Protein backbone atom coordinates (compact mmCIF):
# COMPACT_ATOMS: atom_id res chain seq x y z
CA MET A 1 0.00 0.00 0.00
CA GLY A 2 1.24 3.49 -0.82
CA LYS A 3 1.17 6.58 1.34
CA LYS A 4 -1.95 7.90 -0.34
CA ASP A 5 -3.81 4.67 0.35
CA ASP A 6 -2.79 4.76 4.05
CA ILE A 7 -4.09 8.30 4.47
CA LYS A 8 -7.31 7.48 2.63
CA LEU A 9 -7.87 4.40 4.77
CA GLU A 10 -7.32 6.33 8.00
CA ILE A 11 -9.68 9.09 6.91
CA GLU A 12 -12.38 6.55 6.04
CA GLN A 13 -12.00 4.92 9.45
CA THR A 14 -12.53 8.21 11.26
CA VAL A 15 -15.97 8.88 9.81
CA ILE A 16 -18.47 9.10 12.68
CA LYS A 17 -21.37 6.78 12.23
CA GLU A 18 -24.83 7.62 13.57
CA PRO A 19 -26.60 4.91 15.46
CA ALA A 20 -29.29 3.18 13.40
CA VAL A 21 -31.97 3.31 16.12
CA GLN A 22 -32.79 6.67 17.59
CA GLY A 23 -34.96 7.12 20.54
CA LYS A 24 -34.52 6.53 24.24
CA ARG A 25 -31.07 5.30 25.12
CA GLN A 26 -29.81 3.54 28.08
CA PRO A 27 -27.20 5.33 30.18
CA ALA A 28 -24.72 2.54 29.41
CA GLU A 29 -25.20 3.15 25.71
CA ASP A 30 -24.63 6.90 26.23
CA ILE A 31 -21.36 6.19 27.99
CA SER A 32 -20.17 3.78 25.29
CA LEU A 33 -21.17 6.27 22.58
CA ALA A 34 -19.33 9.05 24.40
CA GLU A 35 -16.24 6.85 24.68
CA GLU A 36 -16.54 5.88 21.03
CA ALA A 37 -16.89 9.55 20.01
CA ALA A 38 -13.85 10.46 22.12
CA ASP A 39 -11.86 7.67 20.48
CA MET A 40 -12.93 8.87 17.04
CA LYS A 41 -11.95 12.45 17.86
CA GLU A 42 -8.56 11.20 19.01
CA GLN A 43 -8.18 9.16 15.85
CA ALA A 44 -9.21 12.15 13.72
CA LYS A 45 -6.59 14.32 15.46
CA LYS A 46 -3.95 11.65 14.84
CA THR A 47 -4.99 11.40 11.20
CA ILE A 48 -4.89 15.16 10.72
CA GLN A 49 -1.48 15.27 12.37
CA LEU A 50 -0.28 12.45 10.08
CA ILE A 51 -1.61 14.28 7.02
CA LYS A 52 0.15 17.48 8.11
CA GLU A 53 3.43 15.59 8.51
CA LYS A 54 3.19 13.87 5.14
CA ALA A 55 1.84 16.81 3.19
CA SER A 56 4.41 19.38 2.14
CA GLU A 57 4.48 22.20 -0.35
CA GLU A 58 7.98 21.35 -1.50
CA ASP A 59 8.65 19.69 -4.81
CA PRO A 60 9.23 15.97 -4.69
CA LYS A 61 12.85 15.03 -5.21
CA LEU A 62 13.71 13.80 -8.67
CA THR A 63 14.53 10.13 -8.80
CA SER A 64 17.93 9.18 -10.11
CA SER A 65 16.44 7.10 -12.92
CA LEU A 66 15.16 9.18 -15.82
CA THR A 67 12.66 7.14 -17.81
CA LEU A 68 10.62 7.89 -20.89
CA ARG A 69 7.50 8.03 -18.73
CA THR A 70 8.95 10.75 -16.48
CA ILE A 71 10.07 12.74 -19.51
CA LEU A 72 6.74 12.49 -21.35
CA GLY A 73 4.78 13.07 -18.15
CA GLY A 74 6.80 16.20 -17.40
CA ASP A 75 7.76 14.98 -13.93
CA PHE A 76 11.38 15.97 -14.43
CA LEU A 77 10.37 19.61 -14.94
CA THR A 78 10.07 20.42 -11.27
CA ALA A 79 10.28 23.99 -10.12
CA GLU A 80 13.65 23.38 -8.48
CA MET A 81 15.13 21.99 -11.68
CA VAL A 82 13.72 24.85 -13.74
CA ARG A 83 15.09 27.39 -11.27
CA ARG A 84 18.54 25.82 -11.46
CA GLN A 85 18.52 25.79 -15.27
CA ILE A 86 16.82 29.16 -15.94
CA TRP A 87 19.90 30.66 -17.58
CA LEU A 88 20.12 27.69 -19.91
CA PHE A 89 16.51 28.25 -20.95
CA VAL A 90 17.17 31.97 -21.47
CA LEU A 91 20.22 31.12 -23.59
CA LEU A 92 18.19 28.65 -25.68
CA VAL A 93 15.48 31.26 -26.29
CA ILE A 94 18.11 33.82 -27.35
CA PHE A 95 19.68 31.28 -29.72
CA CYS A 96 16.27 30.47 -31.21
CA ILE A 97 15.47 34.14 -31.77
CA ALA A 98 18.92 34.74 -33.30
CA TYR A 99 18.52 31.68 -35.55
CA VAL A 100 15.15 32.87 -36.85
CA ALA A 101 16.39 36.43 -37.38
CA ILE A 102 19.55 35.32 -39.20
CA ARG A 103 17.61 32.90 -41.37
CA TYR A 104 15.09 35.62 -42.27
CA GLN A 105 17.91 38.02 -43.17
CA CYS A 106 19.61 35.32 -45.25
CA GLN A 107 16.40 34.66 -47.19
CA GLN A 108 15.98 38.39 -47.83
CA ASP A 109 19.57 38.55 -49.11
CA LEU A 110 18.97 35.55 -51.41
CA ILE A 111 15.86 37.22 -52.84
CA ALA A 112 17.85 40.42 -53.47
CA ILE A 113 20.68 38.44 -55.11
CA ASP A 114 18.20 36.68 -57.43
CA LYS A 115 16.68 40.03 -58.40
CA LEU A 116 20.10 41.55 -59.11
CA GLU A 117 21.17 38.49 -61.13
CA LYS A 118 18.07 38.87 -63.30
CA GLU A 119 18.82 42.57 -63.81
CA LEU A 120 22.43 41.71 -64.70
CA LEU A 121 21.28 39.11 -67.21
CA ASP A 122 18.87 41.62 -68.78
CA ALA A 123 21.68 44.21 -68.98
CA LYS A 124 24.00 41.65 -70.65
CA TYR A 125 21.32 40.81 -73.22
CA LYS A 126 20.73 44.52 -73.95
CA ALA A 127 24.48 45.12 -74.29
CA LEU A 128 24.82 42.13 -76.63
CA SER A 129 21.89 43.25 -78.80
CA SER A 130 23.13 46.87 -78.98
CA SER A 131 26.66 45.63 -79.76
CA SER A 132 25.37 43.48 -82.63
CA THR A 133 23.25 46.38 -83.92
CA LEU A 134 26.29 48.70 -83.80
CA THR A 135 28.47 46.11 -85.55
CA GLU A 136 25.88 45.75 -88.29
CA LYS A 137 25.62 49.51 -88.84
CA CYS A 138 29.41 49.95 -88.93
CA ARG A 139 29.96 47.48 -91.79
CA GLU A 140 31.58 48.97 -94.88
CA SER A 141 28.64 48.20 -97.12
CA HIS A 142 26.17 50.03 -94.85
CA VAL A 143 28.56 53.01 -94.56
CA LEU A 144 28.89 53.20 -98.36
CA ASP A 145 25.11 53.07 -98.78
CA ALA A 146 24.72 55.90 -96.25
CA LEU A 147 27.32 58.00 -98.12
CA LYS A 148 25.55 57.45 -101.43
CA GLN A 149 22.25 58.56 -99.96
CA ASN A 150 23.83 61.77 -98.57
CA LYS A 151 25.27 63.30 -101.71
CA ASP A 152 26.37 66.43 -99.96
CA SER A 153 29.09 64.51 -98.09
CA LEU A 154 32.72 64.97 -99.08
CA LEU A 155 33.60 61.50 -98.05
CA HIS A 156 34.17 58.91 -100.78
CA ILE A 157 35.94 55.62 -101.39
CA ALA A 158 39.70 55.93 -101.88
CA ASP A 159 40.99 55.32 -105.42
CA GLN A 160 44.57 54.58 -104.36
CA PRO A 161 45.75 51.90 -101.95
CA PRO A 162 46.99 53.03 -98.57
CA TYR A 163 50.68 53.89 -98.15
CA ILE A 164 52.80 52.28 -95.44
CA ILE A 165 55.23 54.74 -93.96
CA TYR A 166 58.16 53.41 -91.95
CA VAL A 167 59.52 55.74 -89.31
CA PRO A 168 63.02 54.98 -88.07
CA GLU A 169 63.40 55.12 -84.39
């Protein structure tokens, strides 16, 4: 039997029972009832005293064996243990907040990098297309056609080959 069962049993035994037959009593019965009531009062006092001794507001001590049942039941999270480890819990909360904040910032940076890479790719495509357009317009045949259309220009195709001049050093 456990402690709780002992206390429960003692409390049940102290219940005062009323006599089944009420009416005129004999003086001997009154004396025995008075003695019985005195005994019950004494027993009730003893029981109350026993309850006061066994009942405490302190946390029960943690057993040395840590089982899955005590972990899942939360029995190991007594107030004394939490008070001893409060700085660990504070540190864990700070680490969790820092982890979330750093991860959020990292995701924002990745989004910005993706956006800038797309802009860079668009700029490369524009530069490539403008370079090809410029190359096409600078070809000799297009330049000659433009000169023919503008007759007022003094520019024309050379009749003589170019001269190579050697300069001694």
